[in-house]
Structures are given as structure tokens and as C-alpha cells.
Protein backbone atom coordinates (compact mmCIF):
# COMPACT_ATOMS: atom_id res chain seq x y z
CA UNK A 1 -186.07 14.43 158.99
CA UNK A 2 -182.87 12.23 157.64
CA UNK A 3 -181.99 12.42 154.06
CA UNK A 4 -180.43 8.51 154.62
CA UNK A 5 -181.55 6.00 156.72
CA UNK A 6 -180.12 2.53 156.97
CA UNK A 7 -182.59 -0.07 157.81
CA UNK A 8 -180.99 -3.64 158.57
CA UNK A 9 -183.09 -6.64 158.40
CA UNK A 10 -182.34 -10.49 159.47
CA UNK A 11 -185.96 -11.42 158.07
CA UNK A 12 -187.44 -11.67 161.51
CA UNK A 13 -190.97 -10.12 162.22
CA UNK A 14 -189.21 -7.92 164.78
CA UNK A 15 -187.07 -6.23 162.10
CA UNK A 16 -190.47 -5.36 160.02
CA UNK A 17 -191.19 -3.18 163.25
CA UNK A 18 -188.76 -0.62 162.17
CA UNK A 19 -190.36 -0.08 158.82
CA UNK A 20 -192.92 2.10 160.19
CA UNK A 21 -190.51 4.36 162.26
CA UNK A 22 -188.38 4.62 158.88
CA UNK A 23 -191.30 5.90 157.09
CA UNK A 24 -191.96 8.76 159.55
CA UNK A 25 -188.28 9.87 159.44
CA UNK A 26 -187.28 10.10 156.14
CA UNK A 27 -187.15 13.35 154.25
CA UNK A 28 -189.55 13.71 151.33
CA UNK A 29 -186.34 13.28 148.70
CA UNK A 30 -184.56 10.76 150.99
CA UNK A 31 -183.25 7.46 150.57
CA UNK A 32 -184.08 4.14 152.61
CA UNK A 33 -181.25 1.48 152.41
CA UNK A 34 -182.65 -1.84 153.29
CA UNK A 35 -179.66 -4.26 153.99
CA UNK A 36 -179.42 -7.79 155.01
CA UNK A 37 -175.84 -9.40 155.91
CA UNK A 38 -175.71 -12.90 154.75
CA UNK A 39 -173.29 -15.20 157.15
CA UNK A 40 -170.73 -16.98 155.24
CA UNK A 41 -169.15 -20.49 156.41
CA UNK A 42 -165.80 -21.46 155.53
CA UNK A 43 -164.75 -25.22 155.12
CA UNK A 44 -162.55 -27.15 157.36
CA UNK A 45 -160.89 -30.20 156.97
CA UNK A 46 -163.92 -31.74 158.43
CA UNK A 47 -166.50 -30.40 156.19
CA UNK A 48 -167.14 -31.01 152.44
CA UNK A 49 -166.76 -27.86 150.19
CA UNK A 50 -169.79 -28.61 148.24
CA UNK A 51 -171.99 -28.76 151.49
CA UNK A 52 -170.54 -25.42 152.52
CA UNK A 53 -171.13 -23.73 149.30
CA UNK A 54 -174.75 -25.03 149.50
CA UNK A 55 -175.31 -23.43 152.94
CA UNK A 56 -173.63 -20.24 151.94
CA UNK A 57 -176.06 -20.11 148.73
CA UNK A 58 -179.26 -20.67 150.84
CA UNK A 59 -177.72 -17.95 153.24
CA UNK A 60 -177.53 -15.30 150.64
CA UNK A 61 -180.91 -16.26 149.05
CA UNK A 62 -182.61 -15.84 152.61
CA UNK A 63 -180.74 -12.28 152.94
CA UNK A 64 -182.28 -11.21 149.66
CA UNK A 65 -185.76 -12.49 150.28
CA UNK A 66 -185.41 -10.79 153.76
CA UNK A 67 -184.56 -7.45 151.80
CA UNK A 68 -187.34 -7.77 149.26
CA UNK A 69 -189.85 -8.65 151.97
CA UNK A 70 -188.94 -5.19 153.79
CA UNK A 71 -188.82 -3.50 150.39
CA UNK A 72 -192.45 -4.61 149.63
CA UNK A 73 -193.70 -2.81 152.77
CA UNK A 74 -192.82 0.61 150.96
CA UNK A 75 -194.93 2.07 148.18
CA UNK A 76 -193.51 3.73 145.16
CA UNK A 77 -193.33 7.30 146.77
CA UNK A 78 -190.10 6.14 148.55
CA UNK A 79 -186.75 6.02 147.27
CA UNK A 80 -185.45 2.33 148.38
CA UNK A 81 -181.86 0.67 147.62
CA UNK A 82 -181.73 -2.70 148.11
CA UNK A 83 -178.32 -4.32 149.68
CA UNK A 84 -177.21 -7.69 150.55
CA UNK A 85 -173.75 -8.17 151.76
CA UNK A 86 -171.81 -11.16 153.15
CA UNK A 87 -169.99 -10.50 156.87
CA UNK A 88 -170.82 -10.33 160.15
CA UNK A 89 -173.97 -8.71 160.91
CA UNK A 90 -172.84 -5.76 163.20
CA UNK A 91 -169.39 -4.91 161.54
CA UNK A 92 -171.32 -4.86 158.20
CA UNK A 93 -173.94 -2.61 159.12
CA UNK A 94 -171.23 -0.26 160.49
CA UNK A 95 -169.35 -0.71 157.08
CA UNK A 96 -172.42 -0.13 155.16
CA UNK A 97 -173.52 2.93 156.97
CA UNK A 98 -169.86 4.50 156.66
CA UNK A 99 -169.79 3.49 152.56
CA UNK A 100 -173.42 4.91 152.13
CA UNK A 101 -172.91 8.06 153.93
CA UNK A 102 -175.89 7.29 156.33
CA UNK A 103 -177.69 9.73 158.38
CA UNK A 104 -179.74 7.09 160.93
CA UNK A 105 -179.81 3.46 161.58
CA UNK A 106 -183.11 2.31 162.47
CA UNK A 107 -182.65 -1.29 164.02
CA UNK A 108 -184.99 -3.57 165.77
CA UNK A 109 -183.75 -4.65 169.52
CA UNK A 110 -184.21 -8.27 168.92
CA UNK A 111 -184.24 -10.66 165.92
CA UNK A 112 -183.75 -14.41 165.29
CA UNK A 113 -181.81 -14.88 168.54
CA UNK A 114 -184.79 -16.07 171.37
CA UNK A 115 -181.91 -16.32 173.73
CA UNK A 116 -181.93 -12.39 174.17
CA UNK A 117 -185.16 -12.06 174.74
CA UNK A 118 -184.75 -10.07 177.93
CA UNK A 119 -182.09 -7.56 176.80
CA UNK A 120 -181.20 -6.06 173.71
CA UNK A 121 -180.38 -8.14 170.73
CA UNK A 122 -176.69 -8.80 170.32
CA UNK A 123 -176.24 -7.37 166.73
CA UNK A 124 -178.27 -4.22 167.94
CA UNK A 125 -176.32 -3.77 171.10
CA UNK A 126 -173.09 -4.11 169.04
CA UNK A 127 -174.30 -1.50 166.64
CA UNK A 128 -175.34 0.85 169.15
CA UNK A 129 -172.19 0.57 170.80
CA UNK A 130 -169.97 1.04 167.85
CA UNK A 131 -171.81 3.22 165.33
CA UNK A 132 -170.40 6.85 164.86
CA UNK A 133 -173.89 7.81 163.44
CA UNK A 134 -177.24 8.10 165.40
CA UNK A 135 -178.82 4.58 166.08
CA UNK A 136 -182.61 4.29 166.60
CA UNK A 137 -183.28 1.24 168.84
CA UNK A 138 -186.96 0.16 167.90
CA UNK A 139 -188.28 -1.93 171.29
CA UNK A 140 -190.15 -5.21 170.70
CA UNK A 141 -192.67 -6.59 172.63
């Protein structure tokens, strides 16, 4: 059993499949950290700052919704911490795993990127290759 599990989500149904695995692997007194990484656009000479700001706010709202959705799949018996950070997903997942002293990352093999249907999802692959801690990669049908 693990004391602290990181459960990243991108809001896709694939990410939800990792929930049951995390439930089985967490220690009775352990904590599950549910994380969503919101992307952030930066403005350029060809884009209006107000539009970029609206898009970034929408991305952050979607990330919070994704975390809340996953958290709703756990009952009160579980110690849950919800987190939303801004950045690049794989790098942010690794940094949160370090900052939060995570013992195990449980991540889905595929998410929103349909182009990666026949291979490991790009974020999951980067996390798997670059993590210094155990990663449980959940295979999706």
C-alpha cells in the first residue's frame, strides 16, 4: 500500500479509469492528490490580450472541473487533496510529485489526444520516462 498517490487527470474518461486502481493501492491512512494541469497561452503581436486571458480562464475552469469530477468518485473514507496548476502537463506532474512527496503516480495511458490511440499517450509517456518515482500506467481499451 502507498501512503501518497498522485492521480493526474485531463478530464477525459480515460483518466477516470485510474480512480479504481488508486482506491485499491492507497493505504488506509494515505492521501490521494488529484491533479489537473491547466495550459496557459501567452500573447503575441498577432493576438489580443483580452482573448488570451479569456482562453486561459476557460482552461483553468476546465481543470478545476476535471479535478472535482474525479474527486466526486471517492467517498468520505478517502483523504483527498485537489490541486490545479498551470504549466506543461508532464513537467508539472513531475514537479508536483516532488513537492508533495508522492510515492506513486497512477496515470492513464491515453487522454484527450486521439492521435496517440495506438501508442502510449504523450503525457503519460513523458511522465513514465522522466519520473524518479514509481508510475503505474493504466492501459485503456
